[in-house]
Amino acid sequence: MKYLNVMVDCGNGYNGYSEIEKACIKNYGDSELNSKIYTTYNGNEIDLSKFDDGQFVLTDGTLVLFENTIGYPERVYISVDVNGYGKKPNKLGKDLFMFQLMKDGKLLPMGAIDTDYYSDKDEYCSNTSTLGLNGAGCTIKYLN
């Protein structure tokens, strides 16, 4: 964060962290207390577990979210709400885009080949998919 113009440090968003109350996107596990700000590409409830290991808002309103998965294999995801925190549509794959930090240090747009949310059937970027992170695979499409 010291290299960016950070307006608000939202801390961590998971219930196990003491900073959850200051989190921009709160993840209380399977609870009605969870943030309802963001949805999947087609408007379903979003799986917040991929956005709760660090969060901050830049001075232009851009929200940046981190996920560092634990276990094998370890993954690092960086998600960005490009039109500003709290501004609609707040949908994964429409204004919230995901990237994956690969083991070789490359940062790839989610949906690219070898990323976790790549699908040759567009299951992660579809108006009809019911997957919990539908929209995650749209980043590569928007960049192309």
N, C-alpha and C. Protein backbone atom coordinates (compact mmCIF):
# COMPACT_ATOMS: atom_id res chain seq x y z
N MET A 1 0.82 -1.20 0.00
CA MET A 1 0.00 0.00 0.00
C MET A 1 0.86 1.26 0.00
N LYS A 2 2.09 1.16 0.48
CA LYS A 2 2.91 2.36 0.56
C LYS A 2 3.26 2.92 -0.82
N TYR A 3 3.05 2.15 -1.88
CA TYR A 3 3.35 2.61 -3.24
C TYR A 3 2.12 3.14 -3.97
N LEU A 4 0.97 3.13 -3.32
CA LEU A 4 -0.29 3.56 -3.93
C LEU A 4 -0.89 4.72 -3.14
N ASN A 5 -1.82 5.41 -3.75
CA ASN A 5 -2.54 6.49 -3.08
C ASN A 5 -3.77 5.90 -2.38
N VAL A 6 -3.55 5.39 -1.19
CA VAL A 6 -4.61 4.71 -0.44
C VAL A 6 -5.37 5.72 0.41
N MET A 7 -6.70 5.70 0.25
CA MET A 7 -7.56 6.57 1.04
C MET A 7 -8.01 5.86 2.32
N VAL A 8 -8.36 4.56 2.20
CA VAL A 8 -8.87 3.81 3.34
C VAL A 8 -8.25 2.41 3.34
N ASP A 9 -7.67 2.03 4.46
CA ASP A 9 -7.21 0.66 4.65
C ASP A 9 -8.35 -0.09 5.32
N CYS A 10 -8.96 -1.02 4.59
CA CYS A 10 -10.11 -1.75 5.10
C CYS A 10 -9.72 -2.99 5.89
N GLY A 11 -8.44 -3.26 6.02
CA GLY A 11 -7.99 -4.41 6.79
C GLY A 11 -8.37 -5.72 6.13
N ASN A 12 -8.64 -6.72 6.95
CA ASN A 12 -9.05 -8.04 6.47
C ASN A 12 -10.55 -8.19 6.67
N GLY A 13 -11.19 -8.94 5.79
CA GLY A 13 -12.63 -9.03 5.84
C GLY A 13 -13.20 -10.31 6.40
N TYR A 14 -12.33 -11.21 6.92
CA TYR A 14 -12.85 -12.49 7.41
C TYR A 14 -13.13 -12.43 8.90
N ASN A 15 -14.15 -13.14 9.32
CA ASN A 15 -14.59 -13.15 10.71
C ASN A 15 -13.49 -13.50 11.70
N GLY A 16 -12.50 -14.30 11.30
CA GLY A 16 -11.43 -14.69 12.21
C GLY A 16 -10.45 -13.58 12.52
N TYR A 17 -10.52 -12.49 11.79
CA TYR A 17 -9.60 -11.37 12.00
C TYR A 17 -10.24 -10.31 12.88
N SER A 18 -9.45 -9.68 13.72
CA SER A 18 -9.99 -8.67 14.63
C SER A 18 -10.43 -7.41 13.89
N GLU A 19 -9.98 -7.24 12.63
CA GLU A 19 -10.29 -6.02 11.89
C GLU A 19 -11.57 -6.11 11.07
N ILE A 20 -12.38 -7.14 11.24
CA ILE A 20 -13.52 -7.33 10.35
C ILE A 20 -14.49 -6.15 10.37
N GLU A 21 -14.62 -5.49 11.48
CA GLU A 21 -15.58 -4.38 11.54
C GLU A 21 -15.21 -3.21 10.64
N LYS A 22 -13.92 -3.04 10.35
CA LYS A 22 -13.53 -1.95 9.44
C LYS A 22 -13.45 -2.41 7.99
N ALA A 23 -13.72 -3.70 7.73
CA ALA A 23 -13.64 -4.24 6.38
C ALA A 23 -14.67 -3.61 5.46
N CYS A 24 -14.27 -3.38 4.22
CA CYS A 24 -15.20 -2.87 3.21
C CYS A 24 -16.17 -3.96 2.78
N ILE A 25 -15.66 -5.17 2.60
CA ILE A 25 -16.47 -6.33 2.24
C ILE A 25 -16.29 -7.35 3.37
N LYS A 26 -17.33 -7.54 4.17
CA LYS A 26 -17.25 -8.41 5.34
C LYS A 26 -17.64 -9.84 4.98
N ASN A 27 -16.86 -10.81 5.48
CA ASN A 27 -17.14 -12.22 5.28
C ASN A 27 -17.24 -12.89 6.64
N TYR A 28 -18.47 -13.14 7.08
CA TYR A 28 -18.71 -13.81 8.36
C TYR A 28 -18.93 -15.31 8.18
N GLY A 29 -18.49 -15.86 7.06
CA GLY A 29 -18.77 -17.26 6.76
C GLY A 29 -20.15 -17.37 6.17
N ASP A 30 -20.90 -18.37 6.55
CA ASP A 30 -22.27 -18.55 6.05
C ASP A 30 -23.24 -17.81 6.95
N SER A 31 -23.28 -16.48 6.82
CA SER A 31 -24.08 -15.68 7.73
C SER A 31 -24.82 -14.59 6.97
N GLU A 32 -25.95 -14.21 7.51
CA GLU A 32 -26.73 -13.10 6.95
C GLU A 32 -26.03 -11.76 7.17
N LEU A 33 -24.99 -11.74 8.01
CA LEU A 33 -24.25 -10.51 8.27
C LEU A 33 -23.29 -10.16 7.15
N ASN A 34 -23.07 -11.07 6.19
CA ASN A 34 -22.13 -10.84 5.10
C ASN A 34 -22.52 -9.62 4.28
N SER A 35 -21.51 -9.01 3.69
CA SER A 35 -21.75 -7.90 2.79
C SER A 35 -22.59 -8.36 1.61
N LYS A 36 -23.59 -7.60 1.25
CA LYS A 36 -24.44 -7.91 0.10
C LYS A 36 -24.16 -6.93 -1.04
N ILE A 37 -23.05 -6.20 -0.95
CA ILE A 37 -22.73 -5.18 -1.95
C ILE A 37 -22.46 -5.80 -3.32
N TYR A 38 -21.75 -6.93 -3.36
CA TYR A 38 -21.34 -7.54 -4.62
C TYR A 38 -22.10 -8.82 -4.92
N THR A 39 -22.32 -9.07 -6.22
CA THR A 39 -22.98 -10.29 -6.67
C THR A 39 -22.18 -10.90 -7.82
N THR A 40 -22.59 -12.09 -8.24
CA THR A 40 -21.97 -12.74 -9.39
C THR A 40 -22.39 -12.02 -10.66
N TYR A 41 -21.86 -12.45 -11.77
CA TYR A 41 -22.13 -11.87 -13.09
C TYR A 41 -23.63 -11.81 -13.39
N ASN A 42 -24.36 -12.83 -12.98
CA ASN A 42 -25.80 -12.86 -13.27
C ASN A 42 -26.65 -12.53 -12.04
N GLY A 43 -26.04 -11.92 -11.02
CA GLY A 43 -26.81 -11.38 -9.90
C GLY A 43 -27.03 -12.28 -8.71
N ASN A 44 -26.39 -13.44 -8.66
CA ASN A 44 -26.53 -14.34 -7.52
C ASN A 44 -25.59 -13.92 -6.39
N GLU A 45 -25.84 -14.46 -5.20
CA GLU A 45 -24.98 -14.18 -4.05
C GLU A 45 -23.56 -14.64 -4.35
N ILE A 46 -22.59 -13.85 -3.93
CA ILE A 46 -21.19 -14.12 -4.25
C ILE A 46 -20.49 -14.85 -3.10
N ASP A 47 -19.53 -15.68 -3.45
CA ASP A 47 -18.69 -16.36 -2.48
C ASP A 47 -17.62 -15.37 -2.00
N LEU A 48 -17.76 -14.86 -0.80
CA LEU A 48 -16.87 -13.81 -0.29
C LEU A 48 -15.51 -14.32 0.15
N SER A 49 -15.32 -15.62 0.19
CA SER A 49 -14.06 -16.16 0.68
C SER A 49 -12.87 -15.83 -0.21
N LYS A 50 -13.09 -15.36 -1.41
CA LYS A 50 -11.99 -15.03 -2.33
C LYS A 50 -11.64 -13.54 -2.31
N PHE A 51 -12.15 -12.80 -1.33
CA PHE A 51 -11.96 -11.36 -1.28
C PHE A 51 -11.64 -10.82 0.11
N ASP A 52 -11.20 -11.67 1.04
CA ASP A 52 -11.20 -11.23 2.44
C ASP A 52 -9.85 -11.24 3.15
N ASP A 53 -8.74 -11.28 2.40
CA ASP A 53 -7.43 -11.31 3.06
C ASP A 53 -6.67 -9.99 3.00
N GLY A 54 -7.34 -8.95 2.70
CA GLY A 54 -6.76 -7.62 2.64
C GLY A 54 -7.56 -6.77 1.68
N GLN A 55 -7.86 -5.54 2.08
CA GLN A 55 -8.72 -4.68 1.27
C GLN A 55 -8.31 -3.23 1.50
N PHE A 56 -8.34 -2.45 0.41
CA PHE A 56 -8.15 -1.01 0.57
C PHE A 56 -8.83 -0.26 -0.56
N VAL A 57 -9.10 1.02 -0.31
CA VAL A 57 -9.74 1.90 -1.30
C VAL A 57 -8.73 2.98 -1.67
N LEU A 58 -8.52 3.14 -2.99
CA LEU A 58 -7.62 4.18 -3.48
C LEU A 58 -8.33 5.53 -3.47
N THR A 59 -7.57 6.60 -3.61
CA THR A 59 -8.17 7.94 -3.55
C THR A 59 -9.17 8.19 -4.67
N ASP A 60 -9.10 7.47 -5.78
CA ASP A 60 -10.10 7.64 -6.85
C ASP A 60 -11.33 6.76 -6.62
N GLY A 61 -11.39 6.03 -5.50
CA GLY A 61 -12.53 5.19 -5.16
C GLY A 61 -12.38 3.73 -5.54
N THR A 62 -11.33 3.39 -6.28
CA THR A 62 -11.11 2.00 -6.68
C THR A 62 -10.91 1.13 -5.46
N LEU A 63 -11.63 0.01 -5.40
CA LEU A 63 -11.49 -0.95 -4.31
C LEU A 63 -10.59 -2.08 -4.77
N VAL A 64 -9.58 -2.42 -3.96
CA VAL A 64 -8.66 -3.52 -4.25
C VAL A 64 -8.79 -4.55 -3.14
N LEU A 65 -8.98 -5.82 -3.55
CA LEU A 65 -9.21 -6.91 -2.62
C LEU A 65 -8.18 -8.01 -2.86
N PHE A 66 -7.71 -8.65 -1.80
CA PHE A 66 -6.71 -9.71 -1.91
C PHE A 66 -7.23 -11.00 -1.30
N GLU A 67 -6.80 -12.09 -1.90
CA GLU A 67 -7.04 -13.42 -1.33
C GLU A 67 -5.75 -14.22 -1.45
N ASN A 68 -5.32 -14.76 -0.33
CA ASN A 68 -4.15 -15.63 -0.28
C ASN A 68 -4.64 -16.96 0.26
N THR A 69 -4.94 -17.89 -0.64
CA THR A 69 -5.49 -19.16 -0.20
C THR A 69 -4.44 -19.95 0.58
N ILE A 70 -4.91 -20.71 1.54
CA ILE A 70 -4.02 -21.50 2.39
C ILE A 70 -4.15 -22.96 1.97
N GLY A 71 -3.06 -23.66 2.01
CA GLY A 71 -3.09 -25.08 1.66
C GLY A 71 -2.44 -25.32 0.32
N TYR A 72 -2.69 -26.51 -0.20
CA TYR A 72 -2.08 -26.87 -1.49
C TYR A 72 -3.15 -26.90 -2.55
N PRO A 73 -3.00 -26.27 -3.68
CA PRO A 73 -1.91 -25.34 -3.97
C PRO A 73 -2.26 -23.94 -3.45
N GLU A 74 -1.24 -23.19 -3.07
CA GLU A 74 -1.48 -21.82 -2.62
C GLU A 74 -1.72 -20.92 -3.81
N ARG A 75 -2.64 -19.97 -3.65
CA ARG A 75 -3.01 -19.05 -4.72
C ARG A 75 -3.06 -17.64 -4.16
N VAL A 76 -2.79 -16.68 -5.02
CA VAL A 76 -2.98 -15.27 -4.66
C VAL A 76 -3.87 -14.66 -5.74
N TYR A 77 -5.00 -14.10 -5.30
CA TYR A 77 -5.92 -13.41 -6.20
C TYR A 77 -5.94 -11.93 -5.83
N ILE A 78 -6.00 -11.09 -6.84
CA ILE A 78 -6.16 -9.65 -6.65
C ILE A 78 -7.39 -9.25 -7.44
N SER A 79 -8.35 -8.65 -6.76
CA SER A 79 -9.59 -8.22 -7.42
C SER A 79 -9.71 -6.72 -7.32
N VAL A 80 -10.26 -6.12 -8.37
CA VAL A 80 -10.34 -4.66 -8.46
C VAL A 80 -11.74 -4.24 -8.90
N ASP A 81 -12.37 -3.38 -8.12
CA ASP A 81 -13.63 -2.75 -8.53
C ASP A 81 -13.23 -1.47 -9.25
N VAL A 82 -13.32 -1.49 -10.57
CA VAL A 82 -12.73 -0.42 -11.39
C VAL A 82 -13.51 0.88 -11.41
N ASN A 83 -14.81 0.85 -11.13
CA ASN A 83 -15.56 2.10 -11.19
C ASN A 83 -15.81 2.72 -9.82
N GLY A 84 -15.21 2.14 -8.81
CA GLY A 84 -15.30 2.76 -7.49
C GLY A 84 -16.11 1.96 -6.50
N TYR A 85 -15.64 1.96 -5.30
CA TYR A 85 -16.28 1.25 -4.20
C TYR A 85 -17.70 1.76 -3.98
N GLY A 86 -18.64 0.84 -3.97
CA GLY A 86 -20.02 1.19 -3.69
C GLY A 86 -20.80 1.71 -4.89
N LYS A 87 -20.17 1.85 -6.06
CA LYS A 87 -20.88 2.30 -7.25
C LYS A 87 -21.33 1.10 -8.05
N LYS A 88 -22.57 1.10 -8.47
CA LYS A 88 -23.16 -0.02 -9.20
C LYS A 88 -22.49 -0.19 -10.56
N PRO A 89 -22.50 -1.38 -11.14
CA PRO A 89 -23.38 -2.50 -10.84
C PRO A 89 -22.90 -3.42 -9.73
N ASN A 90 -21.62 -3.33 -9.33
CA ASN A 90 -21.07 -4.19 -8.26
C ASN A 90 -21.29 -5.67 -8.55
N LYS A 91 -20.91 -6.06 -9.77
CA LYS A 91 -21.04 -7.45 -10.20
C LYS A 91 -19.69 -7.96 -10.68
N LEU A 92 -19.38 -9.17 -10.24
CA LEU A 92 -18.16 -9.83 -10.68
C LEU A 92 -18.22 -10.02 -12.19
N GLY A 93 -17.20 -9.53 -12.88
CA GLY A 93 -17.16 -9.63 -14.32
C GLY A 93 -17.77 -8.46 -15.05
N LYS A 94 -18.32 -7.50 -14.30
CA LYS A 94 -18.88 -6.30 -14.92
C LYS A 94 -18.12 -5.06 -14.47
N ASP A 95 -17.90 -4.92 -13.17
CA ASP A 95 -17.04 -3.84 -12.66
C ASP A 95 -16.05 -4.33 -11.60
N LEU A 96 -16.19 -5.59 -11.18
CA LEU A 96 -15.25 -6.23 -10.26
C LEU A 96 -14.51 -7.31 -11.04
N PHE A 97 -13.20 -7.13 -11.20
CA PHE A 97 -12.40 -8.02 -12.03
C PHE A 97 -11.30 -8.67 -11.20
N MET A 98 -11.02 -9.95 -11.52
CA MET A 98 -10.05 -10.74 -10.77
C MET A 98 -8.80 -11.03 -11.59
N PHE A 99 -7.67 -11.09 -10.89
CA PHE A 99 -6.38 -11.44 -11.46
C PHE A 99 -5.76 -12.50 -10.57
N GLN A 100 -4.85 -13.30 -11.13
CA GLN A 100 -4.18 -14.33 -10.35
C GLN A 100 -2.68 -14.15 -10.47
N LEU A 101 -2.01 -14.12 -9.33
CA LEU A 101 -0.55 -14.08 -9.29
C LEU A 101 -0.05 -15.52 -9.39
N MET A 102 0.67 -15.81 -10.47
CA MET A 102 1.12 -17.18 -10.74
C MET A 102 2.42 -17.47 -10.00
N LYS A 103 2.77 -18.74 -9.90
CA LYS A 103 3.99 -19.14 -9.19
C LYS A 103 5.25 -18.54 -9.79
N ASP A 104 5.24 -18.27 -11.11
CA ASP A 104 6.42 -17.69 -11.77
C ASP A 104 6.47 -16.17 -11.65
N GLY A 105 5.52 -15.58 -10.91
CA GLY A 105 5.51 -14.15 -10.68
C GLY A 105 4.66 -13.36 -11.66
N LYS A 106 4.12 -14.00 -12.69
CA LYS A 106 3.27 -13.31 -13.65
C LYS A 106 1.90 -13.03 -13.04
N LEU A 107 1.35 -11.88 -13.38
CA LEU A 107 0.00 -11.52 -12.97
C LEU A 107 -0.89 -11.70 -14.19
N LEU A 108 -1.80 -12.69 -14.13
CA LEU A 108 -2.66 -12.99 -15.28
C LEU A 108 -4.10 -12.58 -15.00
N PRO A 109 -4.80 -12.11 -16.03
CA PRO A 109 -6.23 -11.84 -15.87
C PRO A 109 -6.97 -13.15 -15.69
N MET A 110 -7.87 -13.20 -14.74
CA MET A 110 -8.62 -14.41 -14.49
C MET A 110 -9.44 -14.76 -15.74
N GLY A 111 -9.47 -16.04 -16.01
CA GLY A 111 -10.12 -16.54 -17.22
C GLY A 111 -9.11 -16.89 -18.29
N ALA A 112 -7.86 -16.43 -18.12
CA ALA A 112 -6.80 -16.82 -19.04
C ALA A 112 -6.46 -18.29 -18.81
N ILE A 113 -5.93 -18.93 -19.83
CA ILE A 113 -5.51 -20.32 -19.70
C ILE A 113 -4.53 -20.44 -18.54
N ASP A 114 -4.66 -21.47 -17.75
CA ASP A 114 -3.85 -21.79 -16.57
C ASP A 114 -4.28 -21.06 -15.30
N THR A 115 -5.23 -20.12 -15.39
CA THR A 115 -5.75 -19.50 -14.16
C THR A 115 -6.84 -20.42 -13.60
N ASP A 116 -7.16 -20.22 -12.33
CA ASP A 116 -8.12 -21.09 -11.65
C ASP A 116 -9.54 -21.00 -12.20
N TYR A 117 -9.90 -19.89 -12.78
CA TYR A 117 -11.26 -19.71 -13.29
C TYR A 117 -11.29 -19.61 -14.81
N TYR A 118 -10.45 -20.44 -15.45
CA TYR A 118 -10.49 -20.61 -16.89
C TYR A 118 -11.48 -21.72 -17.22
N SER A 119 -12.28 -21.51 -18.25
CA SER A 119 -13.19 -22.55 -18.74
C SER A 119 -13.39 -22.35 -20.23
N ASP A 120 -13.15 -23.39 -20.99
CA ASP A 120 -13.38 -23.30 -22.43
C ASP A 120 -14.87 -23.30 -22.75
N LYS A 121 -15.72 -23.50 -21.74
CA LYS A 121 -17.18 -23.48 -21.92
C LYS A 121 -17.81 -22.20 -21.36
N ASP A 122 -16.99 -21.24 -20.97
CA ASP A 122 -17.46 -19.97 -20.41
C ASP A 122 -18.29 -20.13 -19.14
N GLU A 123 -18.01 -21.15 -18.36
CA GLU A 123 -18.77 -21.38 -17.13
C GLU A 123 -18.53 -20.29 -16.08
N TYR A 124 -17.45 -19.54 -16.22
CA TYR A 124 -17.15 -18.48 -15.25
C TYR A 124 -17.37 -17.09 -15.84
N CYS A 125 -18.13 -17.02 -16.93
CA CYS A 125 -18.50 -15.73 -17.52
C CYS A 125 -19.74 -15.95 -18.37
N SER A 126 -20.87 -16.14 -17.68
CA SER A 126 -22.09 -16.54 -18.37
C SER A 126 -23.33 -15.97 -17.69
N ASN A 127 -24.30 -15.59 -18.49
CA ASN A 127 -25.57 -15.11 -17.95
C ASN A 127 -26.39 -16.23 -17.32
N THR A 128 -26.06 -17.47 -17.63
CA THR A 128 -26.85 -18.60 -17.13
C THR A 128 -26.15 -19.47 -16.11
N SER A 129 -24.86 -19.30 -15.91
CA SER A 129 -24.13 -20.14 -14.97
C SER A 129 -24.57 -19.89 -13.53
N THR A 130 -24.63 -20.95 -12.76
CA THR A 130 -24.98 -20.83 -11.34
C THR A 130 -23.77 -21.04 -10.43
N LEU A 131 -22.56 -21.06 -11.01
CA LEU A 131 -21.35 -21.24 -10.20
C LEU A 131 -21.17 -20.07 -9.24
N GLY A 132 -20.62 -20.36 -8.07
CA GLY A 132 -20.46 -19.35 -7.03
C GLY A 132 -19.60 -18.16 -7.39
N LEU A 133 -18.68 -18.32 -8.34
CA LEU A 133 -17.85 -17.19 -8.78
C LEU A 133 -18.03 -16.93 -10.27
N ASN A 134 -19.26 -17.09 -10.75
CA ASN A 134 -19.58 -16.74 -12.12
C ASN A 134 -19.26 -15.25 -12.32
N GLY A 135 -18.44 -14.97 -13.29
CA GLY A 135 -17.95 -13.62 -13.55
C GLY A 135 -16.45 -13.51 -13.35
N ALA A 136 -15.89 -14.44 -12.58
CA ALA A 136 -14.44 -14.41 -12.33
C ALA A 136 -13.65 -14.56 -13.63
N GLY A 137 -14.16 -15.35 -14.57
CA GLY A 137 -13.46 -15.60 -15.82
C GLY A 137 -13.67 -14.54 -16.89
N CYS A 138 -14.38 -13.48 -16.57
CA CYS A 138 -14.66 -12.44 -17.56
C CYS A 138 -13.48 -11.47 -17.77
N THR A 139 -12.55 -11.41 -16.84
CA THR A 139 -11.47 -10.42 -16.92
C THR A 139 -10.71 -10.52 -18.23
N ILE A 140 -10.34 -11.71 -18.64
CA ILE A 140 -9.59 -11.87 -19.89
C ILE A 140 -10.41 -11.40 -21.09
N LYS A 141 -11.71 -11.63 -21.06
CA LYS A 141 -12.57 -11.21 -22.17
C LYS A 141 -12.62 -9.69 -22.28
N TYR A 142 -12.74 -9.00 -21.17
CA TYR A 142 -12.79 -7.54 -21.20
C TYR A 142 -11.47 -6.94 -21.68
N LEU A 143 -10.38 -7.55 -21.27
CA LEU A 143 -9.08 -7.04 -21.70
C LEU A 143 -8.84 -7.31 -23.19
N ASN A 144 -9.35 -8.41 -23.70
CA ASN A 144 -9.20 -8.70 -25.13
C ASN A 144 -10.14 -7.86 -25.94
